Amino acid sequence: MQSPDPTMPVSAADRAPGPVRVIAVASGKGGVGKTSVSVNLATALVNAGQRTLLLDTDLGLANVDVMLGLTPTFTLADVFADRCELRDTVIECPNGLMIVPAASGKRHMTELQPSQHIGLVHAFSELDLDLDVMVVDNAAGIADGVLTFCQAAQDVIVVVCDEPASVTDAYALIKVLSRERGVNRVQVLANQVQDQREGRQLFEKLERVSARFLDVTLGYLGAIPRDEWLRRAVQRQEAVVDVFPSAPSAVAFRDIARRARQWQSPPGARGHVEFFLERLVAPATARGAAA
């Protein structure tokens, strides 16, 4: 068989999928706008040229499809029931954003075993999509699935708003991720704030108590302002970065996406459960062979 010409360009179809940056979005408390953050971050990344998949892991009360006005044929509930493969759930939006939806109102999906959460993470190694980024929209709280999906990501964003319970529960989530899952770096995003000053104060409040009691590094990712245009976008079931691109919240989401693109890529596998593990191992192996 004739050897391929190394000077010839390789098509996207022939190129082996590269490493995928996985960003988990989580919150200690519900109602802080976490899914809105996930949707708009993922959309902003797509608009910046990143091949992006948005995974909804709020397994019992999924909202990503609702927020984008989608009607899935299959969801993760169908995957666990062996009615379809993971790749069959993928929805491609007109703007190029890909979605893996979960189900809503399926109580049994909230009662999965830890081994099933790990199995879902491993299933993504078989998903043959050419991706740059996957954003994981988690359920609120500290359930096993949340901890596993955050641990399996390279970066964790914890969304917090200016409510005492939100800050307290965000600290609880960070504490459990650090002590039980070894997550030692977390990005904090202040949502629904009056201004950047309020967002910074929220972060500093969380950082003070974390620095005192936890072995974890918190980074301040930024703040999303309280915005009437964002509320209108939610009502229209569209991402504010698309439908009202000049809105203050849309500008903030684009800035968050820009910062996320600048995060240093992981050098390779970290020795525990990870999304797209094989894609992390292959480049590291290649670098070792080259050395």
Protein backbone atom coordinates (compact mmCIF):
# COMPACT_ATOMS: atom_id res chain seq x y z
CA MET A 1 0.00 0.00 0.00
CA GLN A 2 1.32 3.44 -0.92
CA SER A 3 2.43 5.57 2.03
CA PRO A 4 0.56 8.84 2.50
CA ASP A 5 2.32 11.98 1.35
CA PRO A 6 3.19 13.98 4.51
CA THR A 7 3.00 17.20 2.52
CA MET A 8 -0.66 16.64 1.64
CA PRO A 9 -3.24 18.27 3.93
CA VAL A 10 -5.22 15.95 6.18
CA SER A 11 -8.99 16.30 5.99
CA ALA A 12 -11.09 16.71 9.12
CA ALA A 13 -12.60 13.28 8.44
CA ASP A 14 -9.14 11.63 8.39
CA ARG A 15 -7.70 13.54 11.34
CA ALA A 16 -7.65 11.74 14.68
CA PRO A 17 -9.75 13.67 17.21
CA GLY A 18 -7.52 15.73 19.50
CA PRO A 19 -7.79 16.47 23.22
CA VAL A 20 -11.05 18.05 24.39
CA ARG A 21 -11.07 20.78 27.02
CA VAL A 22 -13.85 19.87 29.47
CA ILE A 23 -15.36 22.63 31.62
CA ALA A 24 -17.81 21.65 34.36
CA VAL A 25 -20.30 24.29 35.50
CA ALA A 26 -21.72 23.70 38.97
CA SER A 27 -23.34 25.46 41.92
CA GLY A 28 -24.02 24.63 45.52
CA LYS A 29 -27.50 26.13 45.44
CA GLY A 30 -30.16 25.91 42.76
CA GLY A 31 -31.64 29.00 41.15
CA VAL A 32 -28.37 30.89 40.65
CA GLY A 33 -28.53 30.82 36.84
CA LYS A 34 -26.10 27.94 36.33
CA THR A 35 -27.77 26.53 33.21
CA SER A 36 -27.99 29.99 31.66
CA VAL A 37 -24.25 30.33 32.27
CA SER A 38 -23.60 26.94 30.64
CA VAL A 39 -25.75 27.72 27.59
CA ASN A 40 -24.29 31.17 27.00
CA LEU A 41 -20.69 30.12 27.69
CA ALA A 42 -21.01 27.24 25.22
CA THR A 43 -22.65 29.49 22.62
CA ALA A 44 -19.98 32.17 23.05
CA LEU A 45 -17.29 29.52 22.57
CA VAL A 46 -18.96 28.35 19.33
CA ASN A 47 -19.19 31.93 18.10
CA ALA A 48 -15.45 32.28 18.79
CA GLY A 49 -14.73 29.33 16.49
CA GLN A 50 -14.52 26.55 19.08
CA ARG A 51 -16.14 23.22 18.20
CA THR A 52 -18.26 22.87 21.32
CA LEU A 53 -20.49 20.21 22.88
CA LEU A 54 -22.86 21.10 25.74
CA LEU A 55 -23.64 18.12 27.97
CA ASP A 56 -26.63 18.31 30.32
CA THR A 57 -25.92 16.17 33.39
CA ASP A 58 -28.82 17.47 35.48
CA LEU A 59 -30.10 13.95 34.95
CA GLY A 60 -33.53 14.26 36.55
CA LEU A 61 -34.43 17.92 35.96
CA ALA A 62 -32.74 18.78 32.68
CA ASN A 63 -33.22 22.30 31.29
CA VAL A 64 -30.67 22.87 28.51
CA ASP A 65 -33.06 21.68 25.79
CA VAL A 66 -35.85 23.87 27.22
CA MET A 67 -33.63 26.95 27.35
CA LEU A 68 -32.79 26.51 23.67
CA GLY A 69 -36.27 25.51 22.48
CA LEU A 70 -35.19 22.00 21.45
CA THR A 71 -37.25 18.81 21.30
CA PRO A 72 -34.82 15.88 21.65
CA THR A 73 -35.56 12.56 20.00
CA PHE A 74 -33.33 10.77 22.50
CA THR A 75 -31.85 11.79 25.86
CA LEU A 76 -29.39 10.26 28.31
CA ALA A 77 -32.33 8.43 29.87
CA ASP A 78 -32.65 6.50 26.60
CA VAL A 79 -28.93 5.68 26.67
CA PHE A 80 -29.21 4.18 30.16
CA ALA A 81 -32.31 2.25 29.08
CA ASP A 82 -30.36 0.82 26.08
CA ARG A 83 -32.79 2.39 23.61
CA CYS A 84 -30.00 4.21 21.76
CA GLU A 85 -26.28 4.91 21.70
CA LEU A 86 -24.75 8.07 23.13
CA ARG A 87 -24.05 9.42 19.64
CA ASP A 88 -27.78 9.15 18.82
CA THR A 89 -28.60 11.80 21.45
CA VAL A 90 -26.42 14.53 19.90
CA ILE A 91 -28.38 17.51 18.56
CA GLU A 92 -26.63 20.03 16.32
CA CYS A 93 -28.03 23.54 16.56
CA PRO A 94 -28.05 25.89 13.55
CA ASN A 95 -25.09 27.84 14.96
CA GLY A 96 -23.01 24.66 15.22
CA LEU A 97 -23.37 24.09 18.97
CA MET A 98 -23.86 20.40 19.76
CA ILE A 99 -26.06 19.28 22.65
CA VAL A 100 -26.33 16.01 24.56
CA PRO A 101 -29.65 16.42 26.41
CA ALA A 102 -30.76 14.78 29.63
CA ALA A 103 -34.34 14.03 30.67
CA SER A 104 -36.69 15.92 32.93
CA GLY A 105 -39.05 14.27 35.42
CA LYS A 106 -37.24 10.91 35.35
CA ARG A 107 -36.74 10.19 39.04
CA HIS A 108 -34.76 7.00 38.43
CA MET A 109 -32.10 9.07 36.66
CA THR A 110 -31.37 10.83 39.95
CA GLU A 111 -30.80 7.46 41.62
CA LEU A 112 -28.02 6.12 39.42
CA GLN A 113 -25.16 4.27 41.08
CA PRO A 114 -21.67 5.82 41.25
CA SER A 115 -20.47 3.19 38.80
CA GLN A 116 -23.08 4.38 36.30
CA HIS A 117 -21.85 7.97 36.57
CA ILE A 118 -18.32 6.75 35.86
CA GLY A 119 -19.67 4.64 32.99
CA LEU A 120 -21.19 7.75 31.42
CA VAL A 121 -17.85 9.55 31.65
CA HIS A 122 -16.11 6.63 29.96
CA ALA A 123 -18.76 6.47 27.23
CA PHE A 124 -17.52 9.78 25.86
CA SER A 125 -14.28 8.08 24.82
CA GLU A 126 -16.37 6.30 22.18
CA LEU A 127 -17.98 9.53 20.92
CA ASP A 128 -16.28 10.21 17.60
CA LEU A 129 -16.81 13.96 17.35
CA ASP A 130 -14.20 16.52 16.38
CA LEU A 131 -14.37 18.84 19.40
CA ASP A 132 -12.34 21.56 21.07
CA VAL A 133 -14.45 22.05 24.19
CA MET A 134 -17.20 20.31 26.14
CA VAL A 135 -19.21 22.30 28.68
CA VAL A 136 -20.90 20.15 31.34
CA ASP A 137 -24.02 21.61 32.97
CA ASN A 138 -24.34 19.89 36.34
CA ALA A 139 -27.20 19.61 38.78
CA ALA A 140 -27.01 21.87 41.82
CA GLY A 141 -25.66 20.44 45.06
CA ILE A 142 -23.13 17.80 46.10
CA ALA A 143 -24.65 14.55 44.84
CA ASP A 144 -22.27 11.83 43.62
CA GLY A 145 -22.96 12.58 39.96
CA VAL A 146 -22.03 16.24 40.40
CA LEU A 147 -18.78 15.31 42.15
CA THR A 148 -17.85 12.72 39.51
CA PHE A 149 -18.57 14.96 36.52
CA CYS A 150 -16.62 17.84 38.08
CA GLN A 151 -13.70 15.56 38.93
CA ALA A 152 -13.70 14.24 35.36
CA ALA A 153 -13.36 17.76 33.89
CA GLN A 154 -10.16 19.77 33.51
CA ASP A 155 -11.78 22.93 34.85
CA VAL A 156 -14.61 23.59 37.30
CA ILE A 157 -16.66 26.79 37.37
CA VAL A 158 -18.75 27.35 40.49
CA VAL A 159 -21.56 29.85 39.96
CA VAL A 160 -22.55 31.98 42.92
CA CYS A 161 -24.99 34.86 43.42
CA ASP A 162 -25.43 37.46 46.15
CA GLU A 163 -27.47 35.38 48.57
CA PRO A 164 -26.11 34.01 51.86
CA ALA A 165 -27.32 30.48 51.05
CA SER A 166 -25.63 30.61 47.63
CA VAL A 167 -22.26 31.53 49.14
CA THR A 168 -22.58 28.97 51.94
CA ASP A 169 -23.56 26.18 49.54
CA ALA A 170 -20.84 27.14 47.06
CA TYR A 171 -18.28 26.78 49.85
CA ALA A 172 -19.76 23.38 50.77
CA LEU A 173 -19.45 22.21 47.16
CA ILE A 174 -15.85 23.40 46.88
CA LYS A 175 -14.99 21.74 50.21
CA VAL A 176 -16.40 18.37 49.15
CA LEU A 177 -14.75 18.55 45.71
CA SER A 178 -11.42 19.33 47.34
CA ARG A 179 -11.48 16.84 50.20
CA GLU A 180 -13.25 13.91 48.53
CA ARG A 181 -12.29 14.25 44.87
CA GLY A 182 -8.95 16.04 44.92
CA VAL A 183 -10.15 19.06 42.93
CA ASN A 184 -7.67 21.74 43.99
CA ARG A 185 -8.45 24.51 41.50
CA VAL A 186 -11.85 26.14 41.02
CA GLN A 187 -12.99 29.15 39.00
CA VAL A 188 -15.68 31.30 40.63
CA LEU A 189 -18.25 33.13 38.53
CA ALA A 190 -20.50 35.73 40.18
CA ASN A 191 -23.91 35.81 38.52
CA GLN A 192 -26.87 38.20 38.66
CA VAL A 193 -24.85 40.99 40.27
CA GLN A 194 -25.38 44.76 40.18
CA ASP A 195 -21.86 45.52 39.00
CA GLN A 196 -18.30 44.21 38.84
CA ARG A 197 -17.59 45.51 42.34
CA GLU A 198 -20.34 43.35 43.81
CA GLY A 199 -19.04 40.36 41.88
CA ARG A 200 -15.51 40.86 43.21
CA GLN A 201 -16.83 41.19 46.78
CA LEU A 202 -18.70 37.89 46.43
CA PHE A 203 -15.53 36.17 45.27
CA GLU A 204 -13.44 37.65 48.08
CA LYS A 205 -15.97 36.49 50.65
CA LEU A 206 -15.71 32.94 49.33
CA GLU A 207 -11.95 33.10 48.94
CA ARG A 208 -11.34 34.21 52.54
CA VAL A 209 -13.08 31.24 54.09
CA SER A 210 -11.65 28.79 51.52
CA ALA A 211 -8.07 30.00 52.07
CA ARG A 212 -8.52 29.53 55.82
CA PHE A 213 -9.90 26.00 55.79
CA LEU A 214 -9.25 24.38 52.40
CA ASP A 215 -6.25 23.40 50.30
CA VAL A 216 -7.74 24.77 47.11
CA THR A 217 -6.93 27.63 44.75
CA LEU A 218 -9.84 29.83 43.74
CA GLY A 219 -9.71 31.97 40.61
CA TYR A 220 -12.05 34.87 39.89
CA LEU A 221 -13.51 34.26 36.43
CA GLY A 222 -15.64 37.39 36.41
CA ALA A 223 -19.23 38.55 36.86
CA ILE A 224 -22.44 38.48 34.84
CA PRO A 225 -24.64 41.53 35.50
CA ARG A 226 -28.36 41.38 36.27
CA ASP A 227 -29.79 42.16 32.86
CA GLU A 228 -33.31 42.60 31.47
CA TRP A 229 -32.06 41.45 28.05
CA LEU A 230 -30.94 38.15 29.52
CA ARG A 231 -34.41 37.63 30.98
CA ARG A 232 -35.95 38.32 27.57
CA ALA A 233 -33.58 35.88 25.91
CA VAL A 234 -34.60 33.17 28.39
CA GLN A 235 -38.26 33.82 27.59
CA ARG A 236 -37.48 33.52 23.86
CA GLN A 237 -35.57 30.26 24.53
CA GLU A 238 -32.41 31.62 22.96
CA ALA A 239 -28.91 32.45 24.15
CA VAL A 240 -28.49 36.13 24.96
CA VAL A 241 -25.11 36.16 23.20
CA ASP A 242 -26.94 35.33 19.97
CA VAL A 243 -30.23 37.21 20.18
CA PHE A 244 -29.03 40.35 22.03
CA PRO A 245 -25.26 40.41 21.40
CA SER A 246 -24.75 43.97 22.64
CA ALA A 247 -26.52 43.38 25.98
CA PRO A 248 -24.32 43.81 29.07
CA SER A 249 -24.71 40.14 29.97
CA ALA A 250 -23.78 39.05 26.42
CA VAL A 251 -20.63 41.16 26.54
CA ALA A 252 -19.76 39.60 29.89
CA PHE A 253 -20.32 36.04 28.61
CA ARG A 254 -18.03 36.69 25.63
CA ASP A 255 -15.37 37.95 28.03
CA ILE A 256 -15.76 34.81 30.17
CA ALA A 257 -15.41 32.64 27.05
CA ARG A 258 -12.27 34.56 26.02
CA ARG A 259 -10.71 33.94 29.43
CA ALA A 260 -11.65 30.26 29.32
CA ARG A 261 -9.92 29.88 25.95
CA GLN A 262 -6.73 31.22 27.51
CA TRP A 263 -6.57 28.62 30.28
CA GLN A 264 -3.53 26.37 30.02
CA SER A 265 -4.33 22.98 28.53
CA PRO A 266 -3.73 19.94 30.74
CA PRO A 267 -0.46 18.13 29.94
CA GLY A 268 -2.14 14.72 29.94
CA ALA A 269 -4.20 12.28 31.99
CA ARG A 270 -4.25 12.87 35.76
CA GLY A 271 -4.74 9.29 36.93
CA HIS A 272 -8.45 9.32 37.77
CA VAL A 273 -11.78 9.27 35.95
CA GLU A 274 -11.76 11.75 33.05
CA PHE A 275 -13.88 12.62 30.05
CA PHE A 276 -12.24 11.75 26.70
CA LEU A 277 -9.38 10.00 28.52
CA GLU A 278 -7.93 8.36 25.40
CA ARG A 279 -7.61 11.72 23.65
CA LEU A 280 -5.57 12.99 26.61
CA VAL A 281 -3.36 9.90 26.75
CA ALA A 282 -2.54 9.77 23.02
CA PRO A 283 -0.84 13.22 22.74
CA ALA A 284 1.12 12.61 25.95
CA THR A 285 2.28 9.23 24.62
CA ALA A 286 3.29 10.83 21.34
CA ARG A 287 5.28 13.51 23.16
CA GLY A 288 7.08 10.84 25.18
CA ALA A 289 7.94 8.88 22.04
CA ALA A 290 9.23 12.01 20.33
CA ALA A 291 11.47 12.79 23.29
